[in-house]
Amino acid sequence: MTPPPSPLLTTRSDETVLRERLSRQRALANGLLAGMAGLTLGSYALPPGYWTDLLQASAKAGLVGGLADWFAVTALFRHPLGLPIPHTAIIPQQKERLGQGLGRFVANHVLTESEIRRVSGRIDAPAILRRYLSDPANVRPAAETIAAALPRILTTLEDGRAKRLLLRLLPRMVSGPAAARLTARALRLFVQGGRHQDVFGLALSQIKAVLSAKEESLKTAIAQRVRAEGGALVGWMAGAAVARRVLSALNAELDKMEPDDSELRAAFETWVQAEIDKLEQDPARAEAIGAALRGALAHPAVAAWLGDAWTRLRAALEADAKRPEGRTVSLIAGLLTNLGEMLDHDADARERLNRGIENALITVLPAAQGRIAGFIAEVVASWDTATVVDKIELRVGRDLQYVRINGTVVGALAGGVLFALLHAVFGRVAF
């Protein structure tokens, strides 16, 4: 398996620039070190005296300081002079520990609750989402992507654990006070749209159709009832007339209900509004609705019907979701567009979305910290050692060469100052 590329990789032009800078700094550091070595050797050819001794002391201290820093810098990346000296080639040998330490640092000091709150406060996620959804060119592909993922989402919902959870939660969801309020809200919207009168009108038309179809049977039944109550003579004389009058009166009352401004329609609307108010305000009525829903859902026939309906609905959804011009894609696109408009006009919705994202991130943070730390450690461990060492050296090697330069210069100055002080105190100083 090919290891993943190191994120330290850069473009070839960047690498070339970095390598040139590193080479210049290394040449300067090596040049200073060689210069100190030359001064040390050259000082022995000078005539003895205070200034020769001062130069020699400075050169030796600079040479020692330069050699020590060269060894320290080289030991980070490789064995100095190729010798397997203990505690050298630190980065290659400690690459796995480096990855583990980096992972722990990121998990414990970067991905913290305070940092997440700080960053989420600066990132306006609703604004980003609003701008994205405001462009129709983005909405349609997003809707197609969601529709394409719908079968997998439905499969996840039908997973054993998820299905059992839904079966436990559904009765609770539809039987609590919230279910009654939701039902009342849906009925109120239904009434506001005038649909209840359409239902009332449909019921009237069906009743009238049944009366018309069964008119002769009803006349016979009414006549028989009159005969049974009043005797054969009364039944023979008035049975048919009573039946005609009853049916005529019934049809007349139904005709009075037909106009939109009829008193019965107004009474029906008043009754419906009162029942909706009871659903919203009366705990007993809400409990009765909940009990009825629980009982219905618990019935085996209802459960079987729901299962069959869900199977058919899922098959239809999956088939329609595959079509770019299907209703599913259009519905999802409309929902996304509505979401964008809501975020554009509803400040409360934007605030809730921001808080929801922040709380979701904080909730998963403890588990994410361990996973991210392990992921970083695995990725670093899989990098090619030689490549990692080379890339790290390219980025920090130039600064490390300054360490060598400073060590050489500071060593030389310290050596000279130390010689002068010791000479002033003790007279002659031996090196």
Protein backbone atom coordinates (compact mmCIF):
# COMPACT_ATOMS: atom_id res chain seq x y z
CA MET A 1 0.00 0.00 0.00
CA THR A 2 1.39 3.36 -1.00
CA PRO A 3 1.72 5.68 2.01
CA PRO A 4 -0.23 8.93 1.86
CA PRO A 5 1.70 11.97 0.77
CA SER A 6 3.10 14.21 3.45
CA PRO A 7 1.27 17.53 3.87
CA LEU A 8 4.71 19.09 4.10
CA LEU A 9 5.11 18.73 0.35
CA THR A 10 5.20 21.95 -1.66
CA THR A 11 5.51 22.87 -5.30
CA ARG A 12 8.80 22.31 -7.06
CA SER A 13 9.49 26.05 -7.36
CA ASP A 14 8.95 26.56 -3.61
CA GLU A 15 11.26 23.66 -2.82
CA THR A 16 13.93 25.09 -5.09
CA VAL A 17 13.83 28.46 -3.33
CA LEU A 18 13.93 26.85 0.12
CA ARG A 19 16.81 24.58 -0.87
CA GLU A 20 18.81 27.51 -2.24
CA ARG A 21 18.31 29.53 0.94
CA LEU A 22 19.30 26.57 3.09
CA SER A 23 22.41 26.00 1.00
CA ARG A 24 23.48 29.64 1.37
CA GLN A 25 22.99 29.62 5.12
CA ARG A 26 24.76 26.30 5.50
CA ALA A 27 27.69 27.57 3.42
CA LEU A 28 27.88 30.69 5.62
CA ALA A 29 27.83 28.61 8.81
CA ASN A 30 30.44 26.21 7.43
CA GLY A 31 32.53 29.14 6.27
CA LEU A 32 32.54 30.72 9.75
CA LEU A 33 33.44 27.36 11.30
CA ALA A 34 36.28 26.92 8.82
CA GLY A 35 37.39 30.49 9.47
CA MET A 36 37.62 29.83 13.20
CA ALA A 37 39.63 26.69 12.50
CA GLY A 38 41.95 28.71 10.25
CA LEU A 39 42.37 31.45 12.84
CA THR A 40 43.15 28.85 15.49
CA LEU A 41 45.88 27.28 13.37
CA GLY A 42 47.15 30.65 12.11
CA SER A 43 47.45 32.06 15.60
CA TYR A 44 50.27 29.62 16.33
CA ALA A 45 52.33 31.20 13.53
CA LEU A 46 52.07 34.66 15.10
CA PRO A 47 54.63 35.99 17.57
CA PRO A 48 53.72 35.35 21.22
CA GLY A 49 52.00 38.13 23.07
CA TYR A 50 48.76 39.32 24.64
CA TRP A 51 46.93 39.99 21.36
CA THR A 52 48.02 36.68 19.85
CA ASP A 53 46.74 34.87 22.94
CA LEU A 54 43.47 36.81 22.80
CA LEU A 55 43.00 35.92 19.13
CA GLN A 56 43.85 32.30 19.80
CA ALA A 57 41.41 32.08 22.74
CA SER A 58 38.61 33.68 20.72
CA ALA A 59 39.24 31.42 17.73
CA LYS A 60 39.30 28.26 19.86
CA ALA A 61 36.07 29.20 21.67
CA GLY A 62 34.39 30.03 18.36
CA LEU A 63 35.57 26.71 16.88
CA VAL A 64 34.28 24.75 19.87
CA GLY A 65 30.94 26.62 19.88
CA GLY A 66 30.52 26.12 16.16
CA LEU A 67 31.36 22.39 16.36
CA ALA A 68 28.93 21.89 19.26
CA ASP A 69 26.07 23.58 17.44
CA TRP A 70 26.90 21.75 14.19
CA PHE A 71 26.68 18.47 16.10
CA ALA A 72 23.38 19.46 17.76
CA VAL A 73 21.77 20.60 14.51
CA THR A 74 22.98 17.60 12.53
CA ALA A 75 21.85 15.18 15.26
CA LEU A 76 18.27 16.30 14.77
CA PHE A 77 18.14 14.94 11.23
CA ARG A 78 20.89 12.29 10.87
CA HIS A 79 23.89 10.67 12.50
CA PRO A 80 26.84 13.15 12.50
CA LEU A 81 29.54 11.87 10.11
CA GLY A 82 27.41 8.73 9.67
CA LEU A 83 28.43 7.44 13.12
CA PRO A 84 25.64 5.69 15.08
CA ILE A 85 26.09 7.90 18.13
CA PRO A 86 23.31 7.43 20.71
CA HIS A 87 20.56 10.07 20.77
CA THR A 88 21.31 11.30 17.26
CA ALA A 89 19.08 11.17 14.12
CA ILE A 90 16.32 12.16 16.52
CA ILE A 91 13.56 12.94 14.01
CA PRO A 92 13.94 9.73 11.94
CA GLN A 93 14.08 7.53 15.04
CA GLN A 94 11.30 9.33 16.92
CA LYS A 95 8.93 9.83 14.00
CA GLU A 96 6.16 7.80 15.59
CA ARG A 97 6.51 9.57 18.93
CA LEU A 98 6.55 12.87 17.05
CA GLY A 99 3.25 11.95 15.39
CA GLN A 100 1.72 10.91 18.71
CA GLY A 101 2.87 14.10 20.38
CA LEU A 102 1.58 16.21 17.49
CA GLY A 103 -1.75 14.40 17.63
CA ARG A 104 -2.09 14.95 21.37
CA PHE A 105 -1.14 18.60 20.99
CA VAL A 106 -3.77 19.20 18.30
CA ALA A 107 -6.43 17.29 20.24
CA ASN A 108 -5.78 18.86 23.63
CA HIS A 109 -4.68 22.39 22.74
CA VAL A 110 -6.23 23.16 19.34
CA LEU A 111 -9.53 21.26 19.33
CA THR A 112 -10.78 22.57 22.66
CA GLU A 113 -14.24 23.75 23.63
CA SER A 114 -13.05 27.34 24.02
CA GLU A 115 -11.39 27.30 20.59
CA ILE A 116 -14.50 25.82 18.98
CA ARG A 117 -16.68 28.51 20.54
CA ARG A 118 -14.22 31.22 19.47
CA VAL A 119 -14.00 29.99 15.87
CA SER A 120 -17.72 29.29 15.54
CA GLY A 121 -18.40 32.81 16.77
CA ARG A 122 -16.29 34.19 13.94
CA ILE A 123 -17.66 31.90 11.23
CA ASP A 124 -21.20 32.83 10.21
CA ALA A 125 -22.38 29.40 9.02
CA PRO A 126 -25.95 30.56 8.21
CA ALA A 127 -24.58 33.35 6.00
CA ILE A 128 -22.41 30.86 4.11
CA LEU A 129 -25.35 28.50 3.70
CA ARG A 130 -27.66 31.37 2.72
CA ARG A 131 -25.30 32.58 0.00
CA TYR A 132 -24.92 29.04 -1.31
CA LEU A 133 -28.67 28.37 -1.41
CA SER A 134 -29.44 31.75 -2.98
CA ASP A 135 -27.82 30.59 -6.22
CA PRO A 136 -30.14 28.30 -8.26
CA ALA A 137 -27.06 26.82 -9.90
CA ASN A 138 -26.10 25.38 -6.51
CA VAL A 139 -29.53 24.29 -5.30
CA ARG A 140 -30.33 21.86 -8.08
CA PRO A 141 -27.05 19.86 -7.90
CA ALA A 142 -27.34 19.79 -4.10
CA ALA A 143 -30.89 18.46 -4.37
CA GLU A 144 -29.77 15.78 -6.83
CA THR A 145 -26.96 14.76 -4.50
CA ILE A 146 -29.32 14.48 -1.54
CA ALA A 147 -31.82 12.54 -3.64
CA ALA A 148 -29.08 10.15 -4.78
CA ALA A 149 -28.16 9.55 -1.12
CA LEU A 150 -31.79 8.95 -0.15
CA PRO A 151 -31.69 5.13 -0.61
CA ARG A 152 -28.68 4.88 1.69
CA ILE A 153 -30.39 7.11 4.24
CA LEU A 154 -33.52 4.96 4.14
CA THR A 155 -31.42 1.81 4.50
CA THR A 156 -29.78 3.32 7.58
CA LEU A 157 -33.19 4.12 9.04
CA GLU A 158 -34.26 0.53 8.48
CA ASP A 159 -31.19 -0.81 10.24
CA GLY A 160 -32.22 -3.11 13.10
CA ARG A 161 -31.29 -0.76 15.94
CA ALA A 162 -32.70 2.35 14.25
CA LYS A 163 -35.91 0.54 13.37
CA ARG A 164 -36.41 -0.72 16.92
CA LEU A 165 -35.73 2.75 18.25
CA LEU A 166 -38.28 4.30 15.90
CA LEU A 167 -40.86 1.69 16.90
CA ARG A 168 -40.33 2.62 20.55
CA LEU A 169 -40.30 6.37 19.97
CA LEU A 170 -43.18 6.66 17.50
CA PRO A 171 -45.98 5.87 19.99
CA ARG A 172 -44.48 8.34 22.46
CA MET A 173 -44.07 10.99 19.80
CA VAL A 174 -47.69 10.78 18.62
CA SER A 175 -49.27 10.37 22.06
CA GLY A 176 -47.78 13.24 24.05
CA PRO A 177 -49.04 16.81 24.44
CA ALA A 178 -46.86 17.86 21.53
CA ALA A 179 -48.73 15.45 19.26
CA ALA A 180 -52.06 16.99 20.23
CA ARG A 181 -50.71 20.49 19.60
CA LEU A 182 -49.30 19.37 16.25
CA THR A 183 -52.64 17.84 15.30
CA ALA A 184 -54.42 21.03 16.35
CA ARG A 185 -52.02 23.15 14.32
CA ALA A 186 -52.53 20.99 11.23
CA LEU A 187 -56.33 21.16 11.65
CA ARG A 188 -56.18 24.93 12.12
CA LEU A 189 -54.27 25.32 8.86
CA PHE A 190 -56.80 22.98 7.27
CA VAL A 191 -59.67 25.18 8.48
CA GLN A 192 -57.95 28.42 7.50
CA GLY A 193 -57.70 27.10 3.97
CA GLY A 194 -61.42 26.32 3.90
CA ARG A 195 -60.78 22.62 3.34
CA HIS A 196 -63.11 21.62 6.17
CA GLN A 197 -66.06 23.02 4.22
CA ASP A 198 -64.99 20.99 1.21
CA VAL A 199 -65.10 17.88 3.38
CA PHE A 200 -68.49 18.95 4.74
CA GLY A 201 -69.78 19.47 1.20
CA LEU A 202 -68.43 16.09 0.10
CA ALA A 203 -70.19 14.41 3.02
CA LEU A 204 -73.48 16.14 2.11
CA SER A 205 -73.23 15.11 -1.52
CA GLN A 206 -72.55 11.51 -0.54
CA ILE A 207 -75.50 11.48 1.86
CA LYS A 208 -77.78 12.88 -0.84
CA ALA A 209 -76.51 10.34 -3.34
CA VAL A 210 -77.20 7.51 -0.90
CA LEU A 211 -80.70 8.84 -0.15
CA SER A 212 -81.46 9.10 -3.84
CA ALA A 213 -80.22 5.60 -4.56
CA LYS A 214 -82.08 4.08 -1.61
CA GLU A 215 -85.25 6.21 -1.84
CA GLU A 216 -87.65 3.34 -2.56
CA SER A 217 -86.12 1.13 0.08
CA LEU A 218 -86.35 3.96 2.64
CA LYS A 219 -90.01 4.63 1.75
CA THR A 220 -90.84 0.99 2.24
CA ALA A 221 -88.96 0.86 5.55
CA ILE A 222 -90.69 4.02 6.85
CA ALA A 223 -94.11 2.75 5.78
CA GLN A 224 -93.49 -0.55 7.55
CA ARG A 225 -92.44 1.31 10.68
CA VAL A 226 -95.63 3.41 10.60
CA ARG A 227 -97.70 0.26 10.15
CA ALA A 228 -95.89 -1.42 13.03
CA GLU A 229 -96.49 1.51 15.37
CA GLY A 230 -100.00 2.56 14.31
CA GLY A 231 -101.55 -0.62 13.01
CA ALA A 232 -102.38 -1.95 9.58
CA LEU A 233 -105.15 0.60 8.90
CA VAL A 234 -103.00 3.61 9.77
CA GLY A 235 -100.12 2.14 7.83
CA TRP A 236 -102.33 1.60 4.77
CA MET A 237 -103.74 5.12 4.94
CA ALA A 238 -100.69 7.23 5.96
CA GLY A 239 -97.55 5.09 5.64
CA ALA A 240 -96.60 6.15 2.13
CA ALA A 241 -97.42 9.80 2.80
CA VAL A 242 -95.34 9.87 5.97
CA ALA A 243 -92.42 8.26 4.13
CA ARG A 244 -92.62 10.88 1.34
CA ARG A 245 -92.79 13.73 3.85
CA VAL A 246 -89.85 12.43 5.88
CA LEU A 247 -87.64 12.05 2.82
CA SER A 248 -88.73 15.43 1.43
CA ALA A 249 -87.98 17.15 4.73
CA LEU A 250 -84.59 15.43 4.93
CA ASN A 251 -83.66 16.45 1.39
CA ALA A 252 -84.85 20.00 2.07
CA GLU A 253 -82.60 20.25 5.13
CA LEU A 254 -79.67 18.91 3.14
CA ASP A 255 -80.35 21.50 0.43
CA LYS A 256 -80.24 24.24 3.08
CA MET A 257 -76.75 23.10 4.02
CA GLU A 258 -75.41 23.39 0.48
CA PRO A 259 -74.88 27.21 0.34
CA ASP A 260 -71.59 28.46 1.75
CA ASP A 261 -73.40 30.85 4.11
CA SER A 262 -75.78 28.30 5.59
CA GLU A 263 -76.34 28.27 9.34
CA LEU A 264 -75.40 24.60 9.62
CA ARG A 265 -72.09 25.21 7.88
CA ALA A 266 -71.38 28.08 10.28
CA ALA A 267 -72.31 25.85 13.20
CA PHE A 268 -70.03 23.13 11.85
CA GLU A 269 -67.14 25.59 11.60
CA THR A 270 -67.78 26.81 15.15
CA TRP A 271 -67.76 23.23 16.39
CA VAL A 272 -64.49 22.46 14.57
CA GLN A 273 -62.81 25.59 15.99
CA ALA A 274 -63.94 24.64 19.50
CA GLU A 275 -62.55 21.12 19.11
CA ILE A 276 -59.21 22.53 17.92
CA ASP A 277 -59.08 24.83 20.95
CA LYS A 278 -59.74 21.85 23.21
CA LEU A 279 -56.87 19.94 21.60
CA GLU A 280 -54.53 22.83 22.34
CA GLN A 281 -55.76 23.70 25.83
CA ASP A 282 -57.52 20.70 27.37
CA PRO A 283 -55.07 18.10 28.79
CA ALA A 284 -57.87 15.53 29.02
CA ARG A 285 -58.70 15.87 25.33
CA ALA A 286 -54.97 15.67 24.44
CA GLU A 287 -54.65 12.51 26.54
CA ALA A 288 -57.70 11.02 24.84
CA ILE A 289 -56.21 11.71 21.43
CA GLY A 290 -52.90 10.21 22.55
CA ALA A 291 -54.57 7.09 23.90
CA ALA A 292 -56.46 6.63 20.66
CA LEU A 293 -53.28 6.99 18.62
CA ARG A 294 -51.38 4.56 20.88
CA GLY A 295 -54.13 2.04 20.57
CA ALA A 296 -54.25 2.39 16.81
CA LEU A 297 -50.49 2.01 16.44
CA ALA A 298 -50.45 -1.01 18.74
CA HIS A 299 -53.02 -2.88 16.64
CA PRO A 300 -51.38 -5.60 14.49
CA ALA A 301 -53.49 -4.71 11.47
CA VAL A 302 -52.41 -1.05 11.66
CA ALA A 303 -48.76 -2.05 12.10
CA ALA A 304 -48.97 -4.35 9.09
CA TRP A 305 -50.64 -1.66 7.04
CA LEU A 306 -48.00 0.89 8.03
CA GLY A 307 -45.24 -1.57 7.13
CA ASP A 308 -46.77 -2.25 3.72
CA ALA A 309 -47.37 1.46 3.11
CA TRP A 310 -43.77 2.26 4.06
CA THR A 311 -42.43 -0.44 1.73
CA ARG A 312 -44.45 0.92 -1.18
CA LEU A 313 -43.55 4.52 -0.34
CA ARG A 314 -39.86 3.68 -0.08
CA ALA A 315 -39.87 1.88 -3.44
CA ALA A 316 -41.59 4.86 -5.04
CA LEU A 317 -39.18 7.31 -3.44
CA GLU A 318 -36.11 5.37 -4.54
CA ALA A 319 -37.40 5.06 -8.10
CA ASP A 320 -38.30 8.76 -8.29
CA ALA A 321 -35.04 9.88 -6.66
CA LYS A 322 -33.05 8.38 -9.53
CA ARG A 323 -34.68 10.75 -12.01
CA PRO A 324 -33.09 14.24 -12.16
CA GLU A 325 -36.48 15.70 -13.15
CA GLY A 326 -38.43 13.66 -10.61
CA ARG A 327 -40.68 15.05 -7.93
CA THR A 328 -38.26 14.09 -5.18
CA VAL A 329 -35.47 16.27 -6.59
CA SER A 330 -37.90 19.13 -7.18
CA LEU A 331 -39.27 18.82 -3.63
CA ILE A 332 -35.79 18.81 -2.09
CA ALA A 333 -34.76 21.76 -4.26
CA GLY A 334 -37.83 23.66 -3.08
CA LEU A 335 -37.06 22.86 0.55
CA LEU A 336 -33.47 24.05 0.14
CA THR A 337 -34.65 27.27 -1.50
CA ASN A 338 -37.14 27.85 1.31
CA LEU A 339 -34.38 27.21 3.82
CA GLY A 340 -32.22 29.86 2.18
CA GLU A 341 -35.07 32.38 2.22
CA MET A 342 -35.84 31.60 5.87
CA LEU A 343 -32.20 32.15 6.84
CA ASP A 344 -32.23 35.41 4.91
CA HIS A 345 -35.23 36.85 6.76
CA ASP A 346 -35.31 35.08 10.13
CA ALA A 347 -32.59 36.24 12.53
CA ASP A 348 -33.79 33.78 15.19
CA ALA A 349 -33.38 30.89 12.78
CA ARG A 350 -29.83 31.98 11.99
CA GLU A 351 -29.01 32.18 15.69
CA ARG A 352 -30.52 28.75 16.35
CA LEU A 353 -28.53 27.24 13.51
CA ASN A 354 -25.29 28.75 14.81
CA ARG A 355 -25.97 27.50 18.33
CA GLY A 356 -27.00 24.09 17.01
CA ILE A 357 -23.77 23.67 15.04
CA GLU A 358 -21.71 24.84 18.01
CA ASN A 359 -23.47 22.51 20.44
CA ALA A 360 -23.19 19.57 18.04
CA LEU A 361 -19.44 20.12 17.68
CA ILE A 362 -18.97 20.39 21.44
CA THR A 363 -21.04 17.25 21.99
CA VAL A 364 -18.87 15.13 19.69
CA LEU A 365 -15.64 16.84 20.80
CA PRO A 366 -14.53 14.29 23.45
CA ALA A 367 -14.81 11.37 21.02
CA ALA A 368 -13.34 13.41 18.17
CA GLN A 369 -10.24 14.40 20.14
CA GLY A 370 -9.12 10.80 20.60
CA ARG A 371 -9.89 9.87 17.01
CA ILE A 372 -8.07 12.89 15.58
CA ALA A 373 -5.03 12.30 17.79
CA GLY A 374 -4.87 8.69 16.62
CA PHE A 375 -5.42 9.70 12.99
CA ILE A 376 -2.56 12.22 13.05
CA ALA A 377 -0.25 9.69 14.69
CA GLU A 378 -1.08 7.07 12.05
CA VAL A 379 -0.62 9.51 9.17
CA VAL A 380 2.77 10.75 10.45
CA ALA A 381 3.92 7.17 11.06
CA SER A 382 3.05 6.24 7.46
CA TRP A 383 5.12 9.02 5.87
CA ASP A 384 8.39 8.15 4.20
CA THR A 385 11.11 8.91 6.75
CA ALA A 386 13.69 10.34 4.34
CA THR A 387 11.10 12.58 2.70
CA VAL A 388 9.79 13.86 6.04
CA VAL A 389 13.29 14.63 7.30
CA ASP A 390 14.14 16.44 4.08
CA LYS A 391 10.95 18.53 4.14
CA ILE A 392 11.33 19.47 7.80
CA GLU A 393 14.95 20.41 7.27
CA LEU A 394 14.01 22.58 4.30
CA ARG A 395 11.64 24.58 6.50
CA VAL A 396 13.59 24.88 9.75
CA GLY A 397 17.12 24.18 8.53
CA ARG A 398 17.76 27.80 7.54
CA ASP A 399 16.94 28.98 11.06
CA LEU A 400 19.05 26.18 12.52
CA GLN A 401 21.99 27.34 10.43
CA TYR A 402 21.58 30.72 12.14
CA VAL A 403 21.92 28.80 15.41
CA ARG A 404 25.26 27.47 14.16
CA ILE A 405 26.35 30.95 13.04
CA ASN A 406 25.33 32.48 16.36
CA GLY A 407 27.09 29.70 18.27
CA THR A 408 30.32 30.32 16.38
CA VAL A 409 30.21 34.11 16.74
CA VAL A 410 29.03 34.13 20.35
CA GLY A 411 31.58 31.45 21.25
CA ALA A 412 34.39 33.53 19.78
CA LEU A 413 33.25 36.69 21.59
CA ALA A 414 32.74 34.80 24.87
CA GLY A 415 36.16 33.21 24.56
CA GLY A 416 37.82 36.58 24.01
CA VAL A 417 35.97 38.24 26.91
CA LEU A 418 36.71 35.32 29.22
CA PHE A 419 40.42 35.41 28.30
CA ALA A 420 40.60 39.15 28.94
CA LEU A 421 38.91 38.84 32.34
CA LEU A 422 41.04 35.92 33.47
CA HIS A 423 44.19 37.65 32.23
CA ALA A 424 43.27 40.79 34.12
CA VAL A 425 42.69 38.84 37.33
CA PHE A 426 45.39 36.17 37.20
CA GLY A 427 47.92 37.55 34.77
CA ARG A 428 48.87 34.83 32.34
CA VAL A 429 46.11 32.44 31.18
CA ALA A 430 46.94 29.04 29.73
CA PHE A 431 44.79 27.56 26.96
